[in-house]
Each structure stands twice: as C-alpha cells, then as structure tokens.
Amino acid sequence: MRNEQNYQGKDPQMWQLAQRRASFKGHFTTYLIMSIFFWLLWYFAGSRTYGNGVPWPVWPMLGWGIGVALHYLGAYGNGRQNNVGKEYEKLMNERNQTSKL
C-alpha cells in the first residue's frame, strides 16, 4: 500500500521501473562491499599463504554475481520490452501511413 501512495499522480510503469533500478543499485552496492570484505578476510586470515587452488572469495562472488546480473536484466531490461515498444510504434506508423493514402 505504501508504494501506491508514493506514485499517485505519476506514471505507474515508470514508477515501477524506477523502483527496480533503485533496488538494483542497492543490491550492486551490497555486492561490491561484501566482495571487498571477503577478499580482505581472505587476505588477512593468511589464506593466501597456503594452497595453490582458487581463492575461496571467487565462489561467493561468482554465485552472487549471477544474481546481480539477473537483477540488472530485470531492472534495465534485456531489450525485449524496448523491442515491443519499437515494434508497436512501427505498426502504428504503418497504419497511419496507409490510412492517409
């Protein structure tokens, strides 16, 4: 209900898009901060001095990074919605041109 009060008088689709983008920015900021924390923890815990394998912070960054990438696609679009809008405009222009003839 709180969200409905926030966008009264505003375009609901644009408001929803703005919310998704703001949510993504918060998620990405958290991802960056936690990634830095993981690497510092790895470095100062002495893990860098033993083992020749992949450092453990790579794994949470990889898994979480996939989630961040999907969140990005949801917030900034994968092009599908833009393509639908462009196709709609194209069809409307064709329709208007044929009606003028």
PDB file of N, CA and C in Angstrom:
ATOM      1  N   MET A   1       0.811  -1.195   0.000  1.00  0.00           N
ATOM      2  CA  MET A   1       0.000   0.000   0.000  1.00  0.00           C
ATOM      3  C   MET A   1       0.860   1.267   0.000  1.00  0.00           C
ATOM      4  N   ARG A   2       2.005   1.187   0.666  1.00  0.00           N
ATOM      5  CA  ARG A   2       2.875   2.350   0.754  1.00  0.00           C
ATOM      6  C   ARG A   2       3.339   2.787  -0.636  1.00  0.00           C
ATOM      7  N   ASN A   3       3.646   1.820  -1.511  1.00  0.00           N
ATOM      8  CA  ASN A   3       4.100   2.137  -2.852  1.00  0.00           C
ATOM      9  C   ASN A   3       3.025   2.856  -3.651  1.00  0.00           C
ATOM     10  N   GLU A   4       1.759   2.486  -3.443  1.00  0.00           N
ATOM     11  CA  GLU A   4       0.675   3.139  -4.163  1.00  0.00           C
ATOM     12  C   GLU A   4       0.592   4.615  -3.784  1.00  0.00           C
ATOM     13  N   GLN A   5       0.825   4.913  -2.532  1.00  0.00           N
ATOM     14  CA  GLN A   5       0.774   6.300  -2.083  1.00  0.00           C
ATOM     15  C   GLN A   5       1.930   7.109  -2.659  1.00  0.00           C
ATOM     16  N   ASN A   6       3.067   6.476  -2.875  1.00  0.00           N
ATOM     17  CA  ASN A   6       4.245   7.181  -3.362  1.00  0.00           C
ATOM     18  C   ASN A   6       4.124   7.613  -4.813  1.00  0.00           C
ATOM     19  N   TYR A   7       3.378   6.884  -5.620  1.00  0.00           N
ATOM     20  CA  TYR A   7       3.363   7.228  -7.031  1.00  0.00           C
ATOM     21  C   TYR A   7       2.053   7.842  -7.503  1.00  0.00           C
ATOM     22  N   GLN A   8       1.220   8.302  -6.587  1.00  0.00           N
ATOM     23  CA  GLN A   8      -0.018   8.951  -7.008  1.00  0.00           C
ATOM     24  C   GLN A   8       0.316  10.151  -7.884  1.00  0.00           C
ATOM     25  N   GLY A   9      -0.318  10.178  -9.034  1.00  0.00           N
ATOM     26  CA  GLY A   9      -0.076  11.263  -9.968  1.00  0.00           C
ATOM     27  C   GLY A   9       1.101  11.011 -10.895  1.00  0.00           C
ATOM     28  N   LYS A  10       1.750   9.867 -10.758  1.00  0.00           N
ATOM     29  CA  LYS A  10       2.899   9.535 -11.596  1.00  0.00           C
ATOM     30  C   LYS A  10       2.538   8.355 -12.484  1.00  0.00           C
ATOM     31  N   ASP A  11       3.274   8.179 -13.544  1.00  0.00           N
ATOM     32  CA  ASP A  11       3.079   7.055 -14.441  1.00  0.00           C
ATOM     33  C   ASP A  11       3.457   5.767 -13.698  1.00  0.00           C
ATOM     34  N   PRO A  12       2.510   4.846 -13.513  1.00  0.00           N
ATOM     35  CA  PRO A  12       2.807   3.638 -12.734  1.00  0.00           C
ATOM     36  C   PRO A  12       3.912   2.772 -13.329  1.00  0.00           C
ATOM     37  N   GLN A  13       3.984   2.683 -14.636  1.00  0.00           N
ATOM     38  CA  GLN A  13       5.042   1.878 -15.254  1.00  0.00           C
ATOM     39  C   GLN A  13       6.411   2.496 -15.016  1.00  0.00           C
ATOM     40  N   MET A  14       6.503   3.799 -15.138  1.00  0.00           N
ATOM     41  CA  MET A  14       7.781   4.475 -14.905  1.00  0.00           C
ATOM     42  C   MET A  14       8.175   4.384 -13.426  1.00  0.00           C
ATOM     43  N   TRP A  15       7.178   4.477 -12.556  1.00  0.00           N
ATOM     44  CA  TRP A  15       7.441   4.367 -11.121  1.00  0.00           C
ATOM     45  C   TRP A  15       7.978   2.982 -10.791  1.00  0.00           C
ATOM     46  N   GLN A  16       7.379   1.951 -11.373  1.00  0.00           N
ATOM     47  CA  GLN A  16       7.828   0.583 -11.142  1.00  0.00           C
ATOM     48  C   GLN A  16       9.242   0.377 -11.684  1.00  0.00           C
ATOM     49  N   LEU A  17       9.521   0.920 -12.852  1.00  0.00           N
ATOM     50  CA  LEU A  17      10.865   0.830 -13.428  1.00  0.00           C
ATOM     51  C   LEU A  17      11.882   1.530 -12.532  1.00  0.00           C
ATOM     52  N   ALA A  18      11.515   2.695 -12.017  1.00  0.00           N
ATOM     53  CA  ALA A  18      12.410   3.436 -11.115  1.00  0.00           C
ATOM     54  C   ALA A  18      12.684   2.625  -9.850  1.00  0.00           C
ATOM     55  N   GLN A  19      11.655   1.947  -9.329  1.00  0.00           N
ATOM     56  CA  GLN A  19      11.847   1.110  -8.141  1.00  0.00           C
ATOM     57  C   GLN A  19      12.795  -0.054  -8.433  1.00  0.00           C
ATOM     58  N   ARG A  20      12.634  -0.696  -9.587  1.00  0.00           N
ATOM     59  CA  ARG A  20      13.514  -1.815  -9.936  1.00  0.00           C
ATOM     60  C   ARG A  20      14.958  -1.352 -10.074  1.00  0.00           C
ATOM     61  N   ARG A  21      15.146  -0.191 -10.685  1.00  0.00           N
ATOM     62  CA  ARG A  21      16.516   0.312 -10.862  1.00  0.00           C
ATOM     63  C   ARG A  21      17.148   0.714  -9.547  1.00  0.00           C
ATOM     64  N   ALA A  22      16.378   1.337  -8.671  1.00  0.00           N
ATOM     65  CA  ALA A  22      16.906   1.713  -7.356  1.00  0.00           C
ATOM     66  C   ALA A  22      17.239   0.459  -6.549  1.00  0.00           C
ATOM     67  N   SER A  23      16.408  -0.566  -6.655  1.00  0.00           N
ATOM     68  CA  SER A  23      16.662  -1.823  -5.971  1.00  0.00           C
ATOM     69  C   SER A  23      17.941  -2.465  -6.487  1.00  0.00           C
ATOM     70  N   PHE A  24      18.147  -2.437  -7.804  1.00  0.00           N
ATOM     71  CA  PHE A  24      19.369  -2.997  -8.370  1.00  0.00           C
ATOM     72  C   PHE A  24      20.599  -2.261  -7.852  1.00  0.00           C
ATOM     73  N   LYS A  25      20.541  -0.942  -7.811  1.00  0.00           N
ATOM     74  CA  LYS A  25      21.702  -0.167  -7.353  1.00  0.00           C
ATOM     75  C   LYS A  25      22.067  -0.520  -5.915  1.00  0.00           C
ATOM     76  N   GLY A  26      21.064  -0.712  -5.057  1.00  0.00           N
ATOM     77  CA  GLY A  26      21.325  -1.131  -3.686  1.00  0.00           C
ATOM     78  C   GLY A  26      21.936  -2.522  -3.619  1.00  0.00           C
ATOM     79  N   HIS A  27      21.408  -3.426  -4.428  1.00  0.00           N
ATOM     80  CA  HIS A  27      21.917  -4.798  -4.484  1.00  0.00           C
ATOM     81  C   HIS A  27      23.360  -4.807  -4.971  1.00  0.00           C
ATOM     82  N   PHE A  28      23.666  -4.035  -5.997  1.00  0.00           N
ATOM     83  CA  PHE A  28      25.018  -3.989  -6.543  1.00  0.00           C
ATOM     84  C   PHE A  28      26.000  -3.388  -5.539  1.00  0.00           C
ATOM     85  N   THR A  29      25.575  -2.354  -4.831  1.00  0.00           N
ATOM     86  CA  THR A  29      26.434  -1.739  -3.810  1.00  0.00           C
ATOM     87  C   THR A  29      26.759  -2.747  -2.704  1.00  0.00           C
ATOM     88  N   THR A  30      25.751  -3.489  -2.262  1.00  0.00           N
ATOM     89  CA  THR A  30      25.964  -4.513  -1.242  1.00  0.00           C
ATOM     90  C   THR A  30      26.918  -5.584  -1.746  1.00  0.00           C
ATOM     91  N   TYR A  31      26.753  -5.987  -2.995  1.00  0.00           N
ATOM     92  CA  TYR A  31      27.636  -6.988  -3.606  1.00  0.00           C
ATOM     93  C   TYR A  31      29.092  -6.508  -3.602  1.00  0.00           C
ATOM     94  N   LEU A  32      29.309  -5.263  -3.988  1.00  0.00           N
ATOM     95  CA  LEU A  32      30.673  -4.730  -4.009  1.00  0.00           C
ATOM     96  C   LEU A  32      31.285  -4.670  -2.612  1.00  0.00           C
ATOM     97  N   ILE A  33      30.522  -4.187  -1.656  1.00  0.00           N
ATOM     98  CA  ILE A  33      31.027  -4.070  -0.284  1.00  0.00           C
ATOM     99  C   ILE A  33      31.367  -5.443   0.279  1.00  0.00           C
ATOM    100  N   MET A  34      30.463  -6.408   0.086  1.00  0.00           N
ATOM    101  CA  MET A  34      30.711  -7.742   0.618  1.00  0.00           C
ATOM    102  C   MET A  34      31.862  -8.435  -0.111  1.00  0.00           C
ATOM    103  N   SER A  35      32.014  -8.192  -1.397  1.00  0.00           N
ATOM    104  CA  SER A  35      33.135  -8.783  -2.131  1.00  0.00           C
ATOM    105  C   SER A  35      34.456  -8.265  -1.597  1.00  0.00           C
ATOM    106  N   ILE A  36      34.523  -6.971  -1.356  1.00  0.00           N
ATOM    107  CA  ILE A  36      35.741  -6.385  -0.775  1.00  0.00           C
ATOM    108  C   ILE A  36      35.998  -6.993   0.602  1.00  0.00           C
ATOM    109  N   PHE A  37      34.946  -7.125   1.403  1.00  0.00           N
ATOM    110  CA  PHE A  37      35.084  -7.725   2.731  1.00  0.00           C
ATOM    111  C   PHE A  37      35.615  -9.157   2.636  1.00  0.00           C
ATOM    112  N   PHE A  38      35.047  -9.954   1.722  1.00  0.00           N
ATOM    113  CA  PHE A  38      35.508 -11.339   1.558  1.00  0.00           C
ATOM    114  C   PHE A  38      36.981 -11.395   1.184  1.00  0.00           C
ATOM    115  N   TRP A  39      37.417 -10.537   0.269  1.00  0.00           N
ATOM    116  CA  TRP A  39      38.823 -10.557  -0.150  1.00  0.00           C
ATOM    117  C   TRP A  39      39.747 -10.092   0.968  1.00  0.00           C
ATOM    118  N   LEU A  40      39.316  -9.095   1.730  1.00  0.00           N
ATOM    119  CA  LEU A  40      40.132  -8.655   2.867  1.00  0.00           C
ATOM    120  C   LEU A  40      40.223  -9.754   3.922  1.00  0.00           C
ATOM    121  N   LEU A  41      39.112 -10.413   4.168  1.00  0.00           N
ATOM    122  CA  LEU A  41      39.103 -11.509   5.126  1.00  0.00           C
ATOM    123  C   LEU A  41      40.040 -12.631   4.666  1.00  0.00           C
ATOM    124  N   TRP A  42      39.971 -12.964   3.409  1.00  0.00           N
ATOM    125  CA  TRP A  42      40.846 -13.991   2.838  1.00  0.00           C
ATOM    126  C   TRP A  42      42.321 -13.580   2.975  1.00  0.00           C
ATOM    127  N   TYR A  43      42.599 -12.325   2.652  1.00  0.00           N
ATOM    128  CA  TYR A  43      43.979 -11.842   2.680  1.00  0.00           C
ATOM    129  C   TYR A  43      44.547 -11.828   4.102  1.00  0.00           C
ATOM    130  N   PHE A  44      43.816 -11.243   5.031  1.00  0.00           N
ATOM    131  CA  PHE A  44      44.335 -11.073   6.381  1.00  0.00           C
ATOM    132  C   PHE A  44      44.225 -12.333   7.239  1.00  0.00           C
ATOM    133  N   ALA A  45      43.445 -13.301   6.806  1.00  0.00           N
ATOM    134  CA  ALA A  45      43.336 -14.562   7.550  1.00  0.00           C
ATOM    135  C   ALA A  45      44.486 -15.496   7.214  1.00  0.00           C
ATOM    136  N   GLY A  46      45.342 -15.109   6.296  1.00  0.00           N
ATOM    137  CA  GLY A  46      46.502 -15.906   5.976  1.00  0.00           C
ATOM    138  C   GLY A  46      46.256 -16.975   4.925  1.00  0.00           C
ATOM    139  N   SER A  47      45.075 -16.977   4.337  1.00  0.00           N
ATOM    140  CA  SER A  47      44.745 -17.999   3.347  1.00  0.00           C
ATOM    141  C   SER A  47      45.591 -17.873   2.087  1.00  0.00           C
ATOM    142  N   ARG A  48      46.145 -16.731   1.856  1.00  0.00           N
ATOM    143  CA  ARG A  48      46.924 -16.513   0.641  1.00  0.00           C
ATOM    144  C   ARG A  48      48.256 -17.255   0.677  1.00  0.00           C
ATOM    145  N   THR A  49      48.670 -17.687   1.881  1.00  0.00           N
ATOM    146  CA  THR A  49      49.991 -18.289   2.031  1.00  0.00           C
ATOM    147  C   THR A  49      50.003 -19.799   1.867  1.00  0.00           C
ATOM    148  N   TYR A  50      48.842 -20.425   1.737  1.00  0.00           N
ATOM    149  CA  TYR A  50      48.839 -21.880   1.555  1.00  0.00           C
ATOM    150  C   TYR A  50      47.837 -22.284   0.486  1.00  0.00           C
ATOM    151  N   GLY A  51      48.135 -23.369  -0.154  1.00  0.00           N
ATOM    152  CA  GLY A  51      47.259 -23.898  -1.191  1.00  0.00           C
ATOM    153  C   GLY A  51      47.500 -23.208  -2.522  1.00  0.00           C
ATOM    154  N   ASN A  52      47.390 -23.971  -3.579  1.00  0.00           N
ATOM    155  CA  ASN A  52      47.563 -23.422  -4.912  1.00  0.00           C
ATOM    156  C   ASN A  52      46.242 -23.350  -5.672  1.00  0.00           C
ATOM    157  N   GLY A  53      45.135 -23.585  -4.988  1.00  0.00           N
ATOM    158  CA  GLY A  53      43.825 -23.589  -5.627  1.00  0.00           C
ATOM    159  C   GLY A  53      43.275 -22.182  -5.823  1.00  0.00           C
ATOM    160  N   VAL A  54      42.053 -22.152  -6.195  1.00  0.00           N
ATOM    161  CA  VAL A  54      41.351 -20.884  -6.405  1.00  0.00           C
ATOM    162  C   VAL A  54      40.996 -20.295  -5.044  1.00  0.00           C
ATOM    163  N   PRO A  55      41.260 -19.017  -4.810  1.00  0.00           N
ATOM    164  CA  PRO A  55      40.889 -18.400  -3.530  1.00  0.00           C
ATOM    165  C   PRO A  55      39.379 -18.512  -3.306  1.00  0.00           C
ATOM    166  N   TRP A  56      38.978 -18.790  -2.071  1.00  0.00           N
ATOM    167  CA  TRP A  56      37.572 -19.034  -1.792  1.00  0.00           C
ATOM    168  C   TRP A  56      36.659 -17.843  -2.085  1.00  0.00           C
ATOM    169  N   PRO A  57      37.098 -16.573  -2.003  1.00  0.00           N
ATOM    170  CA  PRO A  57      36.159 -15.482  -2.307  1.00  0.00           C
ATOM    171  C   PRO A  57      35.635 -15.500  -3.745  1.00  0.00           C
ATOM    172  N   VAL A  58      36.302 -16.215  -4.627  1.00  0.00           N
ATOM    173  CA  VAL A  58      35.840 -16.294  -6.007  1.00  0.00           C
ATOM    174  C   VAL A  58      34.452 -16.930  -6.072  1.00  0.00           C
ATOM    175  N   TRP A  59      34.216 -17.966  -5.243  1.00  0.00           N
ATOM    176  CA  TRP A  59      32.964 -18.719  -5.332  1.00  0.00           C
ATOM    177  C   TRP A  59      31.751 -17.909  -4.905  1.00  0.00           C
ATOM    178  N   PRO A  60      31.772 -17.217  -3.759  1.00  0.00           N
ATOM    179  CA  PRO A  60      30.588 -16.397  -3.453  1.00  0.00           C
ATOM    180  C   PRO A  60      30.407 -15.245  -4.447  1.00  0.00           C
ATOM    181  N   MET A  61      31.540 -14.703  -4.939  1.00  0.00           N
ATOM    182  CA  MET A  61      31.412 -13.623  -5.928  1.00  0.00           C
ATOM    183  C   MET A  61      30.768 -14.131  -7.214  1.00  0.00           C
ATOM    184  N   LEU A  62      31.133 -15.325  -7.620  1.00  0.00           N
ATOM    185  CA  LEU A  62      30.571 -15.899  -8.839  1.00  0.00           C
ATOM    186  C   LEU A  62      29.071 -16.164  -8.687  1.00  0.00           C
ATOM    187  N   GLY A  63      28.700 -16.850  -7.619  1.00  0.00           N
ATOM    188  CA  GLY A  63      27.284 -17.157  -7.398  1.00  0.00           C
ATOM    189  C   GLY A  63      26.442 -15.911  -7.233  1.00  0.00           C
ATOM    190  N   TRP A  64      26.902 -15.009  -6.391  1.00  0.00           N
ATOM    191  CA  TRP A  64      26.168 -13.778  -6.148  1.00  0.00           C
ATOM    192  C   TRP A  64      26.174 -12.897  -7.396  1.00  0.00           C
ATOM    193  N   GLY A  65      27.269 -12.935  -8.127  1.00  0.00           N
ATOM    194  CA  GLY A  65      27.375 -12.148  -9.363  1.00  0.00           C
ATOM    195  C   GLY A  65      26.342 -12.548 -10.393  1.00  0.00           C
ATOM    196  N   ILE A  66      26.029 -13.843 -10.454  1.00  0.00           N
ATOM    197  CA  ILE A  66      24.968 -14.292 -11.364  1.00  0.00           C
ATOM    198  C   ILE A  66      23.638 -13.662 -10.957  1.00  0.00           C
ATOM    199  N   GLY A  67      23.371 -13.638  -9.661  1.00  0.00           N
ATOM    200  CA  GLY A  67      22.151 -12.992  -9.166  1.00  0.00           C
ATOM    201  C   GLY A  67      22.118 -11.508  -9.479  1.00  0.00           C
ATOM    202  N   VAL A  68      23.255 -10.843  -9.335  1.00  0.00           N
ATOM    203  CA  VAL A  68      23.338  -9.409  -9.648  1.00  0.00           C
ATOM    204  C   VAL A  68      23.093  -9.184 -11.144  1.00  0.00           C
ATOM    205  N   ALA A  69      23.657 -10.042 -11.979  1.00  0.00           N
ATOM    206  CA  ALA A  69      23.467  -9.912 -13.430  1.00  0.00           C
ATOM    207  C   ALA A  69      21.997 -10.086 -13.807  1.00  0.00           C
ATOM    208  N   LEU A  70      21.330 -11.056 -13.191  1.00  0.00           N
ATOM    209  CA  LEU A  70      19.907 -11.249 -13.470  1.00  0.00           C
ATOM    210  C   LEU A  70      19.070 -10.075 -12.962  1.00  0.00           C
ATOM    211  N   HIS A  71      19.463  -9.534 -11.816  1.00  0.00           N
ATOM    212  CA  HIS A  71      18.775  -8.358 -11.283  1.00  0.00           C
ATOM    213  C   HIS A  71      18.950  -7.165 -12.238  1.00  0.00           C
ATOM    214  N   TYR A  72      20.152  -7.030 -12.795  1.00  0.00           N
ATOM    215  CA  TYR A  72      20.417  -5.965 -13.766  1.00  0.00           C
ATOM    216  C   TYR A  72      19.486  -6.094 -14.977  1.00  0.00           C
ATOM    217  N   LEU A  73      19.369  -7.319 -15.485  1.00  0.00           N
ATOM    218  CA  LEU A  73      18.500  -7.536 -16.644  1.00  0.00           C
ATOM    219  C   LEU A  73      17.052  -7.196 -16.323  1.00  0.00           C
ATOM    220  N   GLY A  74      16.621  -7.497 -15.103  1.00  0.00           N
ATOM    221  CA  GLY A  74      15.262  -7.160 -14.701  1.00  0.00           C
ATOM    222  C   GLY A  74      15.049  -5.665 -14.546  1.00  0.00           C
ATOM    223  N   ALA A  75      16.090  -4.957 -14.127  1.00  0.00           N
ATOM    224  CA  ALA A  75      15.957  -3.518 -13.883  1.00  0.00           C
ATOM    225  C   ALA A  75      16.160  -2.688 -15.140  1.00  0.00           C
ATOM    226  N   TYR A  76      17.110  -3.070 -15.953  1.00  0.00           N
ATOM    227  CA  TYR A  76      17.441  -2.274 -17.127  1.00  0.00           C
ATOM    228  C   TYR A  76      16.978  -2.918 -18.417  1.00  0.00           C
ATOM    229  N   GLY A  77      16.315  -4.041 -18.291  1.00  0.00           N
ATOM    230  CA  GLY A  77      15.726  -4.694 -19.455  1.00  0.00           C
ATOM    231  C   GLY A  77      16.723  -5.459 -20.278  1.00  0.00           C
ATOM    232  N   ASN A  78      16.238  -6.513 -20.846  1.00  0.00           N
ATOM    233  CA  ASN A  78      17.067  -7.310 -21.737  1.00  0.00           C
ATOM    234  C   ASN A  78      16.779  -6.945 -23.185  1.00  0.00           C
ATOM    235  N   GLY A  79      16.086  -5.855 -23.372  1.00  0.00           N
ATOM    236  CA  GLY A  79      15.786  -5.392 -24.716  1.00  0.00           C
ATOM    237  C   GLY A  79      14.420  -5.816 -25.210  1.00  0.00           C
ATOM    238  N   ARG A  80      13.816  -6.814 -24.580  1.00  0.00           N
ATOM    239  CA  ARG A  80      12.534  -7.323 -25.055  1.00  0.00           C
ATOM    240  C   ARG A  80      11.449  -6.258 -24.954  1.00  0.00           C
ATOM    241  N   GLN A  81      11.353  -5.590 -23.809  1.00  0.00           N
ATOM    242  CA  GLN A  81      10.319  -4.578 -23.648  1.00  0.00           C
ATOM    243  C   GLN A  81      10.547  -3.416 -24.608  1.00  0.00           C
ATOM    244  N   ASN A  82      11.794  -3.034 -24.803  1.00  0.00           N
ATOM    245  CA  ASN A  82      12.088  -1.958 -25.741  1.00  0.00           C
ATOM    246  C   ASN A  82      11.725  -2.372 -27.155  1.00  0.00           C
ATOM    247  N   ASN A  83      11.992  -3.624 -27.497  1.00  0.00           N
ATOM    248  CA  ASN A  83      11.655  -4.113 -28.831  1.00  0.00           C
ATOM    249  C   ASN A  83      10.154  -4.120 -29.053  1.00  0.00           C
ATOM    250  N   VAL A  84       9.391  -4.490 -28.040  1.00  0.00           N
ATOM    251  CA  VAL A  84       7.938  -4.492 -28.165  1.00  0.00           C
ATOM    252  C   VAL A  84       7.439  -3.068 -28.396  1.00  0.00           C
ATOM    253  N   GLY A  85       7.978  -2.130 -27.644  1.00  0.00           N
ATOM    254  CA  GLY A  85       7.578  -0.737 -27.813  1.00  0.00           C
ATOM    255  C   GLY A  85       7.929  -0.204 -29.197  1.00  0.00           C
ATOM    256  N   LYS A  86       9.110  -0.540 -29.677  1.00  0.00           N
ATOM    257  CA  LYS A  86       9.526  -0.100 -31.015  1.00  0.00           C
ATOM    258  C   LYS A  86       8.657  -0.731 -32.086  1.00  0.00           C
ATOM    259  N   GLU A  87       8.346  -2.009 -31.925  1.00  0.00           N
ATOM    260  CA  GLU A  87       7.504  -2.694 -32.913  1.00  0.00           C
ATOM    261  C   GLU A  87       6.096  -2.101 -32.927  1.00  0.00           C
ATOM    262  N   TYR A  88       5.589  -1.780 -31.749  1.00  0.00           N
ATOM    263  CA  TYR A  88       4.274  -1.149 -31.662  1.00  0.00           C
ATOM    264  C   TYR A  88       4.268   0.198 -32.385  1.00  0.00           C
ATOM    265  N   GLU A  89       5.289   0.998 -32.139  1.00  0.00           N
ATOM    266  CA  GLU A  89       5.388   2.295 -32.813  1.00  0.00           C
ATOM    267  C   GLU A  89       5.482   2.120 -34.325  1.00  0.00           C
ATOM    268  N   LYS A  90       6.242   1.133 -34.759  1.00  0.00           N
ATOM    269  CA  LYS A  90       6.391   0.861 -36.185  1.00  0.00           C
ATOM    270  C   LYS A  90       5.040   0.501 -36.803  1.00  0.00           C
ATOM    271  N   LEU A  91       4.297  -0.378 -36.128  1.00  0.00           N
ATOM    272  CA  LEU A  91       2.978  -0.773 -36.633  1.00  0.00           C
ATOM    273  C   LEU A  91       2.011   0.407 -36.667  1.00  0.00           C
ATOM    274  N   MET A  92       2.062   1.230 -35.651  1.00  0.00           N
ATOM    275  CA  MET A  92       1.175   2.405 -35.623  1.00  0.00           C
ATOM    276  C   MET A  92       1.534   3.375 -36.746  1.00  0.00           C
ATOM    277  N   ASN A  93       2.826   3.562 -37.011  1.00  0.00           N
ATOM    278  CA  ASN A  93       3.235   4.438 -38.114  1.00  0.00           C
ATOM    279  C   ASN A  93       2.786   3.878 -39.451  1.00  0.00           C
ATOM    280  N   GLU A  94       2.919   2.558 -39.653  1.00  0.00           N
ATOM    281  CA  GLU A  94       2.467   1.938 -40.894  1.00  0.00           C
ATOM    282  C   GLU A  94       0.962   2.103 -41.047  1.00  0.00           C
ATOM    283  N   ARG A  95       0.250   1.911 -39.972  1.00  0.00           N
ATOM    284  CA  ARG A  95      -1.217   2.039 -40.001  1.00  0.00           C
ATOM    285  C   ARG A  95      -1.615   3.467 -40.351  1.00  0.00           C
ATOM    286  N   ASN A  96      -0.953   4.434 -39.755  1.00  0.00           N
ATOM    287  CA  ASN A  96      -1.271   5.849 -40.020  1.00  0.00           C
ATOM    288  C   ASN A  96      -0.937   6.217 -41.467  1.00  0.00           C
ATOM    289  N   GLN A  97       0.150   5.672 -41.997  1.00  0.00           N
ATOM    290  CA  GLN A  97       0.534   5.977 -43.372  1.00  0.00           C
ATOM    291  C   GLN A  97      -0.450   5.392 -44.363  1.00  0.00           C
ATOM    292  N   THR A  98      -0.941   4.170 -44.105  1.00  0.00           N
ATOM    293  CA  THR A  98      -1.908   3.562 -45.026  1.00  0.00           C
ATOM    294  C   THR A  98      -3.258   4.225 -44.922  1.00  0.00           C
ATOM    295  N   SER A  99      -3.612   4.763 -43.799  1.00  0.00           N
ATOM    296  CA  SER A  99      -4.906   5.441 -43.660  1.00  0.00           C
ATOM    297  C   SER A  99      -4.890   6.817 -44.334  1.00  0.00           C
ATOM    298  N   LYS A 100      -3.700   7.401 -44.498  1.00  0.00           N
ATOM    299  CA  LYS A 100      -3.590   8.698 -45.163  1.00  0.00           C
ATOM    300  C   LYS A 100      -3.709   8.540 -46.681  1.00  0.00           C
ATOM    301  N   LEU A 101      -3.415   7.362 -47.206  1.00  0.00           N
ATOM    302  CA  LEU A 101      -3.480   7.132 -48.649  1.00  0.00           C
ATOM    303  C   LEU A 101      -4.888   6.983 -49.033  1.00  0.00           C
TER     304      LEU A 101
END
